[in-house]
Amino acid sequence: MAEMPILYSFRRCPYAMRARMALLVSETPVRLREVVLRDKPEAMIAVSAKATVPVLALPDGQVVDESLAIMHWALDRNDPQHWLQRTATETELIAEADGPFKHALDRYKYPVRYDNVDPLEHRAAGRAFLEKLDRLVQPSGQLIGERPSLADHAIFPFVRQFANHDRDWFDALPLPALQQWLAGHLASPLFATTMKKYPQWQSGDPEPVFGLDTTV
């Protein structure tokens, strides 16, 4: 168990969500340390000075502290459901979600954190990306191809966050394919396992093994 990676995570963070989903689907168990963002453990800060979740500390001393990099690390080791498409479409779509869409999402949801921000202007910018996704949804119900992919799981936690800020408004949008896509991922067993609740980890506490439902 000591040779197992350690994951510092926060349950409701969309970046951490997508990292946990990739670890689960790649069958990569980790020692989970659930973080409270206002009380970050010194052990996490010691291995990653940027002190944001998720952080994956590997047994050999390497640290992976970007969520998309954690997804790629896990899936490069084992990708039984063939999430990785390795196409320009996949790369560009995730980059747009992580860049302009996340920029709009933050200013729509948290306008008081920024100067001279109109949240409705940023909601409109985010809606444009949602409309693009709605047009991209395939007959399979996924964004790329016949099966769920890296793009679906890298993007949907942020669409979830955007939708939940004003659910009535989102549900009233004429985006049936995207709404069904989101509903399907939210109802999946993978997401249910990803969102299991764990207590805050503090130094010296036993660690649940995420992916094995045990403790060390």
N, C-alpha and C. Protein backbone atom coordinates (compact mmCIF):
# COMPACT_ATOMS: atom_id res chain seq x y z
N MET A 1 0.82 -1.20 0.00
CA MET A 1 0.00 0.00 0.00
C MET A 1 0.86 1.27 0.00
N ALA A 2 2.03 1.20 0.64
CA ALA A 2 2.90 2.37 0.70
C ALA A 2 3.40 2.77 -0.68
N GLU A 3 3.39 1.82 -1.62
CA GLU A 3 3.86 2.10 -2.97
C GLU A 3 2.74 2.65 -3.87
N MET A 4 1.60 2.92 -3.28
CA MET A 4 0.47 3.44 -4.03
C MET A 4 0.56 4.96 -4.13
N PRO A 5 0.19 5.56 -5.27
CA PRO A 5 0.19 7.02 -5.36
C PRO A 5 -0.75 7.65 -4.33
N ILE A 6 -0.45 8.89 -3.97
CA ILE A 6 -1.30 9.67 -3.07
C ILE A 6 -2.00 10.75 -3.90
N LEU A 7 -3.31 10.85 -3.76
CA LEU A 7 -4.07 11.88 -4.45
C LEU A 7 -4.64 12.86 -3.44
N TYR A 8 -4.24 14.12 -3.56
CA TYR A 8 -4.87 15.20 -2.82
C TYR A 8 -6.03 15.71 -3.68
N SER A 9 -7.22 15.71 -3.10
CA SER A 9 -8.41 15.99 -3.89
C SER A 9 -9.41 16.80 -3.07
N PHE A 10 -10.34 17.42 -3.76
CA PHE A 10 -11.49 18.08 -3.13
C PHE A 10 -12.72 17.65 -3.90
N ARG A 11 -13.66 17.06 -3.22
CA ARG A 11 -14.77 16.36 -3.87
C ARG A 11 -15.48 17.21 -4.91
N ARG A 12 -15.76 18.47 -4.63
CA ARG A 12 -16.60 19.28 -5.50
C ARG A 12 -15.82 20.07 -6.56
N CYS A 13 -14.51 19.94 -6.58
CA CYS A 13 -13.71 20.65 -7.58
C CYS A 13 -13.80 19.93 -8.92
N PRO A 14 -14.21 20.62 -10.00
CA PRO A 14 -14.33 19.92 -11.29
C PRO A 14 -13.01 19.39 -11.82
N TYR A 15 -11.92 20.07 -11.52
CA TYR A 15 -10.62 19.54 -11.93
C TYR A 15 -10.33 18.22 -11.23
N ALA A 16 -10.60 18.18 -9.93
CA ALA A 16 -10.38 16.94 -9.18
C ALA A 16 -11.34 15.84 -9.62
N MET A 17 -12.58 16.21 -9.96
CA MET A 17 -13.54 15.21 -10.44
C MET A 17 -12.99 14.47 -11.65
N ARG A 18 -12.49 15.23 -12.61
CA ARG A 18 -12.07 14.55 -13.85
C ARG A 18 -10.82 13.70 -13.63
N ALA A 19 -9.97 14.15 -12.72
CA ALA A 19 -8.81 13.31 -12.39
C ALA A 19 -9.25 12.01 -11.73
N ARG A 20 -10.20 12.09 -10.80
CA ARG A 20 -10.67 10.88 -10.13
C ARG A 20 -11.35 9.92 -11.11
N MET A 21 -12.11 10.47 -12.06
CA MET A 21 -12.76 9.59 -13.05
C MET A 21 -11.73 8.83 -13.86
N ALA A 22 -10.67 9.50 -14.28
CA ALA A 22 -9.63 8.82 -15.07
C ALA A 22 -8.91 7.78 -14.23
N LEU A 23 -8.66 8.07 -12.97
CA LEU A 23 -8.01 7.07 -12.11
C LEU A 23 -8.90 5.85 -11.93
N LEU A 24 -10.20 6.08 -11.78
CA LEU A 24 -11.13 4.96 -11.64
C LEU A 24 -11.17 4.10 -12.90
N VAL A 25 -11.37 4.75 -14.05
CA VAL A 25 -11.56 3.98 -15.27
C VAL A 25 -10.27 3.28 -15.69
N SER A 26 -9.13 3.81 -15.28
CA SER A 26 -7.84 3.17 -15.60
C SER A 26 -7.47 2.12 -14.57
N GLU A 27 -8.35 1.93 -13.58
CA GLU A 27 -8.13 0.92 -12.54
C GLU A 27 -6.83 1.19 -11.78
N THR A 28 -6.65 2.47 -11.41
CA THR A 28 -5.46 2.91 -10.69
C THR A 28 -5.85 3.33 -9.28
N PRO A 29 -5.75 2.46 -8.30
CA PRO A 29 -6.09 2.85 -6.93
C PRO A 29 -5.07 3.83 -6.37
N VAL A 30 -5.56 4.76 -5.57
CA VAL A 30 -4.70 5.76 -4.94
C VAL A 30 -5.09 5.93 -3.48
N ARG A 31 -4.15 6.38 -2.70
CA ARG A 31 -4.44 6.75 -1.31
C ARG A 31 -5.00 8.17 -1.34
N LEU A 32 -6.26 8.30 -0.95
CA LEU A 32 -6.98 9.56 -1.10
C LEU A 32 -6.82 10.43 0.15
N ARG A 33 -6.44 11.67 -0.09
CA ARG A 33 -6.38 12.67 0.98
C ARG A 33 -7.34 13.80 0.60
N GLU A 34 -8.52 13.78 1.21
CA GLU A 34 -9.54 14.79 0.92
C GLU A 34 -9.16 16.10 1.60
N VAL A 35 -9.12 17.16 0.81
CA VAL A 35 -8.64 18.46 1.25
C VAL A 35 -9.81 19.41 1.47
N VAL A 36 -9.74 20.22 2.50
CA VAL A 36 -10.62 21.37 2.68
C VAL A 36 -9.81 22.59 2.24
N LEU A 37 -10.31 23.31 1.26
CA LEU A 37 -9.49 24.33 0.61
C LEU A 37 -9.08 25.46 1.54
N ARG A 38 -9.86 25.73 2.56
CA ARG A 38 -9.49 26.79 3.50
C ARG A 38 -8.49 26.28 4.55
N ASP A 39 -8.19 25.01 4.51
CA ASP A 39 -7.30 24.39 5.50
C ASP A 39 -6.42 23.37 4.80
N LYS A 40 -5.61 23.84 3.86
CA LYS A 40 -4.80 22.94 3.05
C LYS A 40 -3.69 22.32 3.88
N PRO A 41 -3.51 21.02 3.74
CA PRO A 41 -2.47 20.36 4.54
C PRO A 41 -1.07 20.75 4.10
N GLU A 42 -0.19 20.86 5.07
CA GLU A 42 1.20 21.20 4.78
C GLU A 42 1.85 20.15 3.88
N ALA A 43 1.44 18.91 4.02
CA ALA A 43 2.02 17.85 3.20
C ALA A 43 1.75 18.08 1.72
N MET A 44 0.57 18.61 1.38
CA MET A 44 0.26 18.90 -0.02
C MET A 44 1.08 20.08 -0.52
N ILE A 45 1.17 21.12 0.29
CA ILE A 45 1.93 22.31 -0.10
C ILE A 45 3.40 21.96 -0.28
N ALA A 46 3.88 21.02 0.52
CA ALA A 46 5.30 20.62 0.43
C ALA A 46 5.62 19.95 -0.90
N VAL A 47 4.67 19.23 -1.46
CA VAL A 47 4.96 18.54 -2.73
C VAL A 47 4.53 19.35 -3.94
N SER A 48 3.65 20.34 -3.75
CA SER A 48 3.20 21.18 -4.87
C SER A 48 2.96 22.59 -4.36
N ALA A 49 3.89 23.46 -4.65
CA ALA A 49 3.85 24.81 -4.10
C ALA A 49 2.63 25.60 -4.57
N LYS A 50 2.05 25.24 -5.72
CA LYS A 50 0.88 25.99 -6.19
C LYS A 50 -0.35 25.70 -5.33
N ALA A 51 -0.32 24.60 -4.60
CA ALA A 51 -1.31 24.31 -3.55
C ALA A 51 -2.75 24.32 -4.05
N THR A 52 -2.96 23.78 -5.23
CA THR A 52 -4.31 23.60 -5.75
C THR A 52 -4.52 22.13 -6.06
N VAL A 53 -5.77 21.69 -5.91
CA VAL A 53 -6.09 20.29 -6.21
C VAL A 53 -6.49 20.15 -7.67
N PRO A 54 -6.29 18.94 -8.24
CA PRO A 54 -5.71 17.75 -7.63
C PRO A 54 -4.19 17.74 -7.70
N VAL A 55 -3.60 16.98 -6.79
CA VAL A 55 -2.16 16.72 -6.81
C VAL A 55 -1.97 15.23 -6.66
N LEU A 56 -1.22 14.64 -7.56
CA LEU A 56 -0.91 13.21 -7.50
C LEU A 56 0.58 13.06 -7.20
N ALA A 57 0.87 12.51 -6.03
CA ALA A 57 2.25 12.28 -5.62
C ALA A 57 2.58 10.81 -5.85
N LEU A 58 3.52 10.55 -6.73
CA LEU A 58 3.88 9.18 -7.10
C LEU A 58 4.93 8.61 -6.16
N PRO A 59 4.96 7.29 -6.02
CA PRO A 59 5.91 6.65 -5.09
C PRO A 59 7.38 6.97 -5.39
N ASP A 60 7.70 7.26 -6.66
CA ASP A 60 9.10 7.54 -7.01
C ASP A 60 9.49 8.99 -6.78
N GLY A 61 8.56 9.78 -6.21
CA GLY A 61 8.86 11.17 -5.92
C GLY A 61 8.36 12.16 -6.94
N GLN A 62 7.95 11.68 -8.10
CA GLN A 62 7.38 12.58 -9.10
C GLN A 62 6.03 13.11 -8.62
N VAL A 63 5.70 14.31 -9.06
CA VAL A 63 4.44 14.94 -8.70
C VAL A 63 3.74 15.40 -9.98
N VAL A 64 2.48 15.05 -10.10
CA VAL A 64 1.65 15.48 -11.23
C VAL A 64 0.55 16.37 -10.64
N ASP A 65 0.62 17.65 -10.93
CA ASP A 65 -0.30 18.57 -10.25
C ASP A 65 -1.16 19.39 -11.21
N GLU A 66 -1.46 18.80 -12.36
CA GLU A 66 -2.46 19.36 -13.27
C GLU A 66 -3.45 18.25 -13.59
N SER A 67 -4.74 18.56 -13.55
CA SER A 67 -5.75 17.51 -13.67
C SER A 67 -5.69 16.78 -15.01
N LEU A 68 -5.49 17.52 -16.09
CA LEU A 68 -5.44 16.87 -17.40
C LEU A 68 -4.21 15.98 -17.51
N ALA A 69 -3.11 16.40 -16.91
CA ALA A 69 -1.91 15.58 -16.91
C ALA A 69 -2.12 14.30 -16.10
N ILE A 70 -2.88 14.39 -15.00
CA ILE A 70 -3.20 13.19 -14.23
C ILE A 70 -4.05 12.25 -15.07
N MET A 71 -5.01 12.78 -15.81
CA MET A 71 -5.84 11.95 -16.69
C MET A 71 -4.97 11.22 -17.70
N HIS A 72 -4.08 11.94 -18.34
CA HIS A 72 -3.21 11.32 -19.35
C HIS A 72 -2.27 10.30 -18.71
N TRP A 73 -1.73 10.63 -17.54
CA TRP A 73 -0.83 9.69 -16.86
C TRP A 73 -1.56 8.37 -16.59
N ALA A 74 -2.78 8.46 -16.05
CA ALA A 74 -3.53 7.25 -15.71
C ALA A 74 -3.91 6.46 -16.95
N LEU A 75 -4.39 7.15 -17.98
CA LEU A 75 -4.87 6.46 -19.17
C LEU A 75 -3.73 5.95 -20.05
N ASP A 76 -2.59 6.59 -19.98
CA ASP A 76 -1.42 6.05 -20.70
C ASP A 76 -0.98 4.73 -20.08
N ARG A 77 -1.22 4.56 -18.80
CA ARG A 77 -0.90 3.30 -18.13
C ARG A 77 -1.91 2.21 -18.48
N ASN A 78 -3.19 2.59 -18.53
CA ASN A 78 -4.24 1.61 -18.76
C ASN A 78 -5.49 2.35 -19.23
N ASP A 79 -5.96 2.02 -20.42
CA ASP A 79 -7.12 2.70 -20.99
C ASP A 79 -8.12 1.65 -21.49
N PRO A 80 -8.73 0.89 -20.57
CA PRO A 80 -9.56 -0.24 -20.99
C PRO A 80 -10.82 0.15 -21.74
N GLN A 81 -11.30 1.38 -21.54
CA GLN A 81 -12.51 1.82 -22.24
C GLN A 81 -12.19 2.71 -23.44
N HIS A 82 -10.91 2.82 -23.77
CA HIS A 82 -10.47 3.55 -24.97
C HIS A 82 -10.94 5.00 -24.96
N TRP A 83 -10.69 5.67 -23.85
CA TRP A 83 -11.03 7.09 -23.77
C TRP A 83 -10.16 7.95 -24.68
N LEU A 84 -8.87 7.62 -24.76
CA LEU A 84 -7.93 8.47 -25.50
C LEU A 84 -8.18 8.35 -27.00
N GLN A 85 -8.50 9.47 -27.61
CA GLN A 85 -8.69 9.51 -29.06
C GLN A 85 -7.42 9.99 -29.77
N ARG A 86 -6.67 10.86 -29.08
CA ARG A 86 -5.41 11.41 -29.62
C ARG A 86 -5.63 12.07 -30.98
N THR A 87 -6.68 12.87 -31.05
CA THR A 87 -6.99 13.60 -32.27
C THR A 87 -6.90 15.09 -32.01
N ALA A 88 -6.79 15.85 -33.10
CA ALA A 88 -6.78 17.31 -32.97
C ALA A 88 -8.10 17.81 -32.41
N THR A 89 -9.19 17.17 -32.80
CA THR A 89 -10.51 17.57 -32.30
C THR A 89 -10.57 17.45 -30.78
N GLU A 90 -10.10 16.34 -30.25
CA GLU A 90 -10.08 16.13 -28.80
C GLU A 90 -9.25 17.21 -28.11
N THR A 91 -8.05 17.42 -28.60
CA THR A 91 -7.15 18.40 -27.99
C THR A 91 -7.73 19.80 -28.02
N GLU A 92 -8.27 20.18 -29.17
CA GLU A 92 -8.78 21.55 -29.32
C GLU A 92 -10.04 21.77 -28.48
N LEU A 93 -10.89 20.77 -28.39
CA LEU A 93 -12.13 20.92 -27.64
C LEU A 93 -11.84 21.06 -26.14
N ILE A 94 -10.93 20.26 -25.64
CA ILE A 94 -10.57 20.37 -24.23
C ILE A 94 -9.89 21.71 -23.96
N ALA A 95 -9.04 22.15 -24.87
CA ALA A 95 -8.38 23.44 -24.69
C ALA A 95 -9.39 24.59 -24.66
N GLU A 96 -10.42 24.51 -25.48
CA GLU A 96 -11.45 25.55 -25.48
C GLU A 96 -12.25 25.53 -24.18
N ALA A 97 -12.52 24.33 -23.68
CA ALA A 97 -13.24 24.22 -22.41
C ALA A 97 -12.40 24.76 -21.26
N ASP A 98 -11.12 24.40 -21.24
CA ASP A 98 -10.24 24.81 -20.15
C ASP A 98 -9.85 26.28 -20.24
N GLY A 99 -9.95 26.85 -21.44
CA GLY A 99 -9.56 28.24 -21.64
C GLY A 99 -10.74 29.20 -21.65
N PRO A 100 -11.26 29.54 -22.83
CA PRO A 100 -12.34 30.54 -22.89
C PRO A 100 -13.60 30.17 -22.11
N PHE A 101 -14.00 28.89 -22.13
CA PHE A 101 -15.22 28.52 -21.43
C PHE A 101 -15.02 28.64 -19.91
N LYS A 102 -13.89 28.17 -19.40
CA LYS A 102 -13.63 28.29 -17.95
C LYS A 102 -13.51 29.75 -17.54
N HIS A 103 -12.93 30.58 -18.40
CA HIS A 103 -12.85 32.02 -18.14
C HIS A 103 -14.26 32.61 -17.98
N ALA A 104 -15.15 32.25 -18.89
CA ALA A 104 -16.53 32.75 -18.82
C ALA A 104 -17.26 32.18 -17.60
N LEU A 105 -17.06 30.89 -17.33
CA LEU A 105 -17.71 30.24 -16.19
C LEU A 105 -17.34 30.94 -14.88
N ASP A 106 -16.07 31.20 -14.67
CA ASP A 106 -15.64 31.82 -13.42
C ASP A 106 -16.28 33.19 -13.23
N ARG A 107 -16.38 33.97 -14.29
CA ARG A 107 -16.92 35.32 -14.19
C ARG A 107 -18.44 35.35 -14.16
N TYR A 108 -19.06 34.31 -14.66
CA TYR A 108 -20.51 34.15 -14.54
C TYR A 108 -20.88 33.73 -13.12
N LYS A 109 -20.14 32.78 -12.57
CA LYS A 109 -20.48 32.23 -11.26
C LYS A 109 -19.95 33.07 -10.10
N TYR A 110 -18.78 33.69 -10.28
CA TYR A 110 -18.14 34.43 -9.19
C TYR A 110 -17.81 35.86 -9.61
N PRO A 111 -18.78 36.66 -10.04
CA PRO A 111 -18.46 38.00 -10.55
C PRO A 111 -17.81 38.92 -9.51
N VAL A 112 -18.09 38.69 -8.22
CA VAL A 112 -17.52 39.58 -7.20
C VAL A 112 -16.01 39.41 -7.07
N ARG A 113 -15.46 38.35 -7.63
CA ARG A 113 -14.01 38.13 -7.55
C ARG A 113 -13.24 38.97 -8.57
N TYR A 114 -13.96 39.61 -9.48
CA TYR A 114 -13.31 40.31 -10.58
C TYR A 114 -13.81 41.75 -10.65
N ASP A 115 -13.00 42.61 -11.24
CA ASP A 115 -13.39 44.01 -11.41
C ASP A 115 -14.17 44.21 -12.70
N ASN A 116 -15.21 45.01 -12.62
CA ASN A 116 -15.97 45.45 -13.81
C ASN A 116 -16.42 44.27 -14.67
N VAL A 117 -17.07 43.31 -14.02
CA VAL A 117 -17.54 42.11 -14.71
C VAL A 117 -19.06 42.09 -14.75
N ASP A 118 -19.59 41.83 -15.95
CA ASP A 118 -21.02 41.63 -16.12
C ASP A 118 -21.25 40.13 -16.23
N PRO A 119 -21.84 39.49 -15.22
CA PRO A 119 -22.00 38.04 -15.29
C PRO A 119 -22.85 37.56 -16.46
N LEU A 120 -23.82 38.37 -16.88
CA LEU A 120 -24.67 37.95 -17.99
C LEU A 120 -23.91 37.96 -19.31
N GLU A 121 -22.96 38.87 -19.42
CA GLU A 121 -22.11 38.88 -20.62
C GLU A 121 -21.30 37.59 -20.69
N HIS A 122 -20.79 37.15 -19.56
CA HIS A 122 -19.99 35.92 -19.54
C HIS A 122 -20.88 34.69 -19.63
N ARG A 123 -22.10 34.78 -19.15
CA ARG A 123 -23.04 33.67 -19.36
C ARG A 123 -23.30 33.49 -20.85
N ALA A 124 -23.43 34.59 -21.57
CA ALA A 124 -23.65 34.51 -23.02
C ALA A 124 -22.44 33.90 -23.72
N ALA A 125 -21.25 34.26 -23.27
CA ALA A 125 -20.04 33.67 -23.87
C ALA A 125 -19.99 32.17 -23.59
N GLY A 126 -20.35 31.78 -22.39
CA GLY A 126 -20.38 30.36 -22.06
C GLY A 126 -21.44 29.62 -22.86
N ARG A 127 -22.58 30.28 -23.07
CA ARG A 127 -23.65 29.65 -23.84
C ARG A 127 -23.19 29.34 -25.26
N ALA A 128 -22.37 30.19 -25.83
CA ALA A 128 -21.89 29.94 -27.19
C ALA A 128 -21.13 28.62 -27.25
N PHE A 129 -20.35 28.34 -26.22
CA PHE A 129 -19.63 27.06 -26.18
C PHE A 129 -20.59 25.90 -25.99
N LEU A 130 -21.60 26.08 -25.15
CA LEU A 130 -22.61 25.04 -24.96
C LEU A 130 -23.32 24.72 -26.28
N GLU A 131 -23.60 25.76 -27.05
CA GLU A 131 -24.26 25.55 -28.35
C GLU A 131 -23.35 24.76 -29.29
N LYS A 132 -22.06 25.04 -29.22
CA LYS A 132 -21.11 24.28 -30.03
C LYS A 132 -21.11 22.81 -29.62
N LEU A 133 -21.09 22.56 -28.31
CA LEU A 133 -21.13 21.18 -27.84
C LEU A 133 -22.41 20.48 -28.26
N ASP A 134 -23.53 21.18 -28.19
CA ASP A 134 -24.81 20.59 -28.59
C ASP A 134 -24.77 20.12 -30.04
N ARG A 135 -24.11 20.92 -30.89
CA ARG A 135 -24.01 20.53 -32.31
C ARG A 135 -23.05 19.35 -32.51
N LEU A 136 -22.11 19.20 -31.58
CA LEU A 136 -21.10 18.14 -31.72
C LEU A 136 -21.58 16.78 -31.23
N VAL A 137 -22.57 16.76 -30.36
CA VAL A 137 -23.01 15.49 -29.79
C VAL A 137 -23.39 14.52 -30.91
N GLN A 138 -22.80 13.34 -30.86
CA GLN A 138 -22.98 12.32 -31.90
C GLN A 138 -24.27 11.52 -31.67
N PRO A 139 -24.71 10.77 -32.66
CA PRO A 139 -25.86 9.87 -32.44
C PRO A 139 -25.67 8.92 -31.26
N SER A 140 -24.41 8.64 -30.94
CA SER A 140 -24.11 7.78 -29.79
C SER A 140 -24.41 8.47 -28.46
N GLY A 141 -24.61 9.79 -28.52
CA GLY A 141 -24.82 10.56 -27.30
C GLY A 141 -23.55 11.11 -26.70
N GLN A 142 -22.40 10.91 -27.36
CA GLN A 142 -21.11 11.38 -26.86
C GLN A 142 -20.55 12.46 -27.80
N LEU A 143 -19.50 13.14 -27.33
CA LEU A 143 -18.96 14.25 -28.11
C LEU A 143 -18.13 13.80 -29.29
N ILE A 144 -17.39 12.70 -29.12
CA ILE A 144 -16.48 12.24 -30.17
C ILE A 144 -16.65 10.74 -30.34
N GLY A 145 -17.19 10.32 -31.44
CA GLY A 145 -17.26 8.90 -31.74
C GLY A 145 -18.38 8.16 -31.04
N GLU A 146 -18.22 6.85 -30.98
CA GLU A 146 -19.28 5.96 -30.53
C GLU A 146 -19.26 5.70 -29.03
N ARG A 147 -18.18 6.06 -28.35
CA ARG A 147 -18.09 5.74 -26.93
C ARG A 147 -17.64 6.98 -26.16
N PRO A 148 -17.88 7.01 -24.85
CA PRO A 148 -17.36 8.11 -24.04
C PRO A 148 -15.85 8.22 -24.17
N SER A 149 -15.36 9.44 -24.19
CA SER A 149 -13.94 9.67 -24.44
C SER A 149 -13.34 10.58 -23.37
N LEU A 150 -12.05 10.83 -23.52
CA LEU A 150 -11.37 11.78 -22.65
C LEU A 150 -12.07 13.14 -22.70
N ALA A 151 -12.46 13.57 -23.89
CA ALA A 151 -13.10 14.88 -24.03
C ALA A 151 -14.38 14.97 -23.22
N ASP A 152 -15.22 13.95 -23.30
CA ASP A 152 -16.47 13.96 -22.53
C ASP A 152 -16.20 14.16 -21.04
N HIS A 153 -15.26 13.39 -20.52
CA HIS A 153 -15.03 13.40 -19.08
C HIS A 153 -14.18 14.58 -18.62
N ALA A 154 -13.38 15.12 -19.50
CA ALA A 154 -12.61 16.31 -19.15
C ALA A 154 -13.49 17.56 -19.12
N ILE A 155 -14.55 17.55 -19.93
CA ILE A 155 -15.38 18.75 -20.09
C ILE A 155 -16.63 18.74 -19.23
N PHE A 156 -17.26 17.59 -19.02
CA PHE A 156 -18.59 17.63 -18.43
C PHE A 156 -18.63 18.14 -16.99
N PRO A 157 -17.57 17.99 -16.15
CA PRO A 157 -17.65 18.60 -14.82
C PRO A 157 -17.81 20.11 -14.86
N PHE A 158 -17.27 20.76 -15.89
CA PHE A 158 -17.39 22.21 -16.00
C PHE A 158 -18.76 22.61 -16.57
N VAL A 159 -19.29 21.80 -17.48
CA VAL A 159 -20.65 22.05 -17.95
C VAL A 159 -21.62 21.85 -16.79
N ARG A 160 -21.39 20.86 -15.98
CA ARG A 160 -22.21 20.65 -14.78
C ARG A 160 -22.21 21.88 -13.89
N GLN A 161 -21.02 22.43 -13.65
CA GLN A 161 -20.90 23.60 -12.79
C GLN A 161 -21.62 24.80 -13.40
N PHE A 162 -21.46 24.99 -14.68
CA PHE A 162 -22.13 26.09 -15.38
C PHE A 162 -23.65 25.92 -15.29
N ALA A 163 -24.13 24.71 -15.55
CA ALA A 163 -25.57 24.45 -15.53
C ALA A 163 -26.15 24.65 -14.14
N ASN A 164 -25.45 24.23 -13.12
CA ASN A 164 -25.97 24.27 -11.76
C ASN A 164 -26.06 25.68 -11.19
N HIS A 165 -25.37 26.62 -11.80
CA HIS A 165 -25.43 27.99 -11.27
C HIS A 165 -26.84 28.58 -11.43
N ASP A 166 -27.51 28.23 -12.50
CA ASP A 166 -28.92 28.62 -12.69
C ASP A 166 -29.58 27.49 -13.48
N ARG A 167 -30.01 26.47 -12.76
CA ARG A 167 -30.47 25.26 -13.42
C ARG A 167 -31.73 25.50 -14.25
N ASP A 168 -32.62 26.34 -13.77
CA ASP A 168 -33.84 26.61 -14.54
C ASP A 168 -33.50 27.25 -15.88
N TRP A 169 -32.56 28.18 -15.87
CA TRP A 169 -32.14 28.83 -17.11
C TRP A 169 -31.52 27.81 -18.06
N PHE A 170 -30.62 26.98 -17.54
CA PHE A 170 -29.96 25.98 -18.37
C PHE A 170 -30.97 25.00 -18.95
N ASP A 171 -31.88 24.53 -18.14
CA ASP A 171 -32.85 23.53 -18.60
C ASP A 171 -33.79 24.07 -19.65
N ALA A 172 -33.96 25.39 -19.67
CA ALA A 172 -34.85 26.01 -20.65
C ALA A 172 -34.17 26.29 -21.99
N LEU A 173 -32.85 26.10 -22.06
CA LEU A 173 -32.14 26.35 -23.31
C LEU A 173 -32.53 25.32 -24.37
N PRO A 174 -32.58 25.72 -25.63
CA PRO A 174 -32.89 24.76 -26.70
C PRO A 174 -31.66 23.94 -27.09
N LEU A 175 -31.15 23.17 -26.13
CA LEU A 175 -29.94 22.37 -26.34
C LEU A 175 -30.21 20.93 -25.92
N PRO A 176 -31.14 20.27 -26.59
CA PRO A 176 -31.57 18.94 -26.11
C PRO A 176 -30.47 17.89 -26.12
N ALA A 177 -29.62 17.92 -27.14
CA ALA A 177 -28.57 16.90 -27.21
C ALA A 177 -27.58 17.07 -26.06
N LEU A 178 -27.19 18.32 -25.79
CA LEU A 178 -26.24 18.58 -24.72
C LEU A 178 -26.86 18.27 -23.35
N GLN A 179 -28.10 18.62 -23.16
CA GLN A 179 -28.77 18.35 -21.89
C GLN A 179 -28.87 16.86 -21.63
N GLN A 180 -29.15 16.10 -22.68
CA GLN A 180 -29.21 14.64 -22.52
C GLN A 180 -27.82 14.07 -22.25
N TRP A 181 -26.82 14.61 -22.94
CA TRP A 181 -25.42 14.20 -22.72
C TRP A 181 -25.03 14.42 -21.27
N LEU A 182 -25.32 15.62 -20.74
CA LEU A 182 -24.97 15.92 -19.36
C LEU A 182 -25.71 15.00 -18.40
N ALA A 183 -27.00 14.82 -18.62
CA ALA A 183 -27.80 13.96 -17.74
C ALA A 183 -27.26 12.54 -17.71
N GLY A 184 -26.85 12.04 -18.86
CA GLY A 184 -26.31 10.69 -18.93
C GLY A 184 -25.04 10.53 -18.12
N HIS A 185 -24.14 11.50 -18.21
CA HIS A 185 -22.90 11.41 -17.45
C HIS A 185 -23.15 11.59 -15.95
N LEU A 186 -24.07 12.46 -15.59
CA LEU A 186 -24.37 12.66 -14.18
C LEU A 186 -24.98 11.41 -13.55
N ALA A 187 -25.71 10.65 -14.36
CA ALA A 187 -26.38 9.44 -13.85
C ALA A 187 -25.51 8.19 -13.93
N SER A 188 -24.29 8.32 -14.42
CA SER A 188 -23.46 7.14 -14.64
C SER A 188 -22.92 6.58 -13.32
N PRO A 189 -22.74 5.27 -13.25
CA PRO A 189 -22.09 4.68 -12.06
C PRO A 189 -20.69 5.24 -11.82
N LEU A 190 -19.98 5.56 -12.89
CA LEU A 190 -18.64 6.12 -12.75
C LEU A 190 -18.69 7.42 -11.97
N PHE A 191 -19.63 8.30 -12.32
CA PHE A 191 -19.71 9.58 -11.63
C PHE A 191 -20.16 9.40 -10.19
N ALA A 192 -21.08 8.47 -9.97
CA ALA A 192 -21.53 8.21 -8.59
C ALA A 192 -20.36 7.78 -7.71
N THR A 193 -19.50 6.91 -8.22
CA THR A 193 -18.33 6.48 -7.46
C THR A 193 -17.35 7.63 -7.28
N THR A 194 -17.17 8.41 -8.31
CA THR A 194 -16.28 9.56 -8.25
C THR A 194 -16.68 10.52 -7.15
N MET A 195 -17.99 10.66 -6.91
CA MET A 195 -18.49 11.67 -5.98
C MET A 195 -18.75 11.13 -4.57
N LYS A 196 -18.28 9.93 -4.29
CA LYS A 196 -18.42 9.40 -2.93
C LYS A 196 -17.76 10.36 -1.94
N LYS A 197 -18.41 10.55 -0.79
CA LYS A 197 -17.91 11.49 0.21
C LYS A 197 -16.88 10.85 1.13
N TYR A 198 -15.84 11.63 1.43
CA TYR A 198 -14.81 11.20 2.37
C TYR A 198 -14.55 12.34 3.35
N PRO A 199 -14.17 12.03 4.58
CA PRO A 199 -13.86 13.09 5.55
C PRO A 199 -12.55 13.79 5.20
N GLN A 200 -12.40 14.99 5.72
CA GLN A 200 -11.15 15.72 5.55
C GLN A 200 -9.99 14.90 6.08
N TRP A 201 -8.90 14.83 5.29
CA TRP A 201 -7.70 14.14 5.74
C TRP A 201 -6.83 15.12 6.51
N GLN A 202 -6.29 14.65 7.62
CA GLN A 202 -5.30 15.40 8.38
C GLN A 202 -4.12 14.49 8.66
N SER A 203 -2.97 15.08 8.83
CA SER A 203 -1.74 14.31 9.02
C SER A 203 -1.91 13.26 10.11
N GLY A 204 -1.55 12.04 9.78
CA GLY A 204 -1.67 10.94 10.72
C GLY A 204 -2.95 10.14 10.58
N ASP A 205 -3.92 10.66 9.83
CA ASP A 205 -5.17 9.94 9.63
C ASP A 205 -4.97 8.73 8.72
N PRO A 206 -5.78 7.69 8.88
CA PRO A 206 -5.78 6.60 7.89
C PRO A 206 -6.30 7.13 6.56
N GLU A 207 -5.88 6.50 5.50
CA GLU A 207 -6.23 6.97 4.15
C GLU A 207 -7.13 5.97 3.45
N PRO A 208 -8.31 6.39 3.02
CA PRO A 208 -9.12 5.48 2.18
C PRO A 208 -8.42 5.25 0.85
N VAL A 209 -8.53 4.06 0.34
CA VAL A 209 -7.96 3.76 -0.97
C VAL A 209 -9.06 3.96 -2.01
N PHE A 210 -8.95 5.04 -2.72
CA PHE A 210 -9.94 5.37 -3.73
C PHE A 210 -9.80 4.39 -4.90
N GLY A 211 -10.87 3.69 -5.18
CA GLY A 211 -10.85 2.68 -6.24
C GLY A 211 -10.87 1.27 -5.70
N LEU A 212 -10.61 1.11 -4.40
CA LEU A 212 -10.63 -0.23 -3.79
C LEU A 212 -11.58 -0.32 -2.61
N ASP A 213 -12.10 0.85 -2.15
CA ASP A 213 -13.05 0.88 -1.03
C ASP A 213 -12.47 0.20 0.21
N THR A 214 -11.24 0.58 0.55
CA THR A 214 -10.60 0.09 1.78
C THR A 214 -9.82 1.23 2.38
N THR A 215 -9.13 0.99 3.47
CA THR A 215 -8.38 2.04 4.17
C THR A 215 -7.01 1.50 4.55
N VAL A 216 -5.99 2.41 4.49
CA VAL A 216 -4.63 2.05 4.92
C VAL A 216 -4.14 3.07 5.93
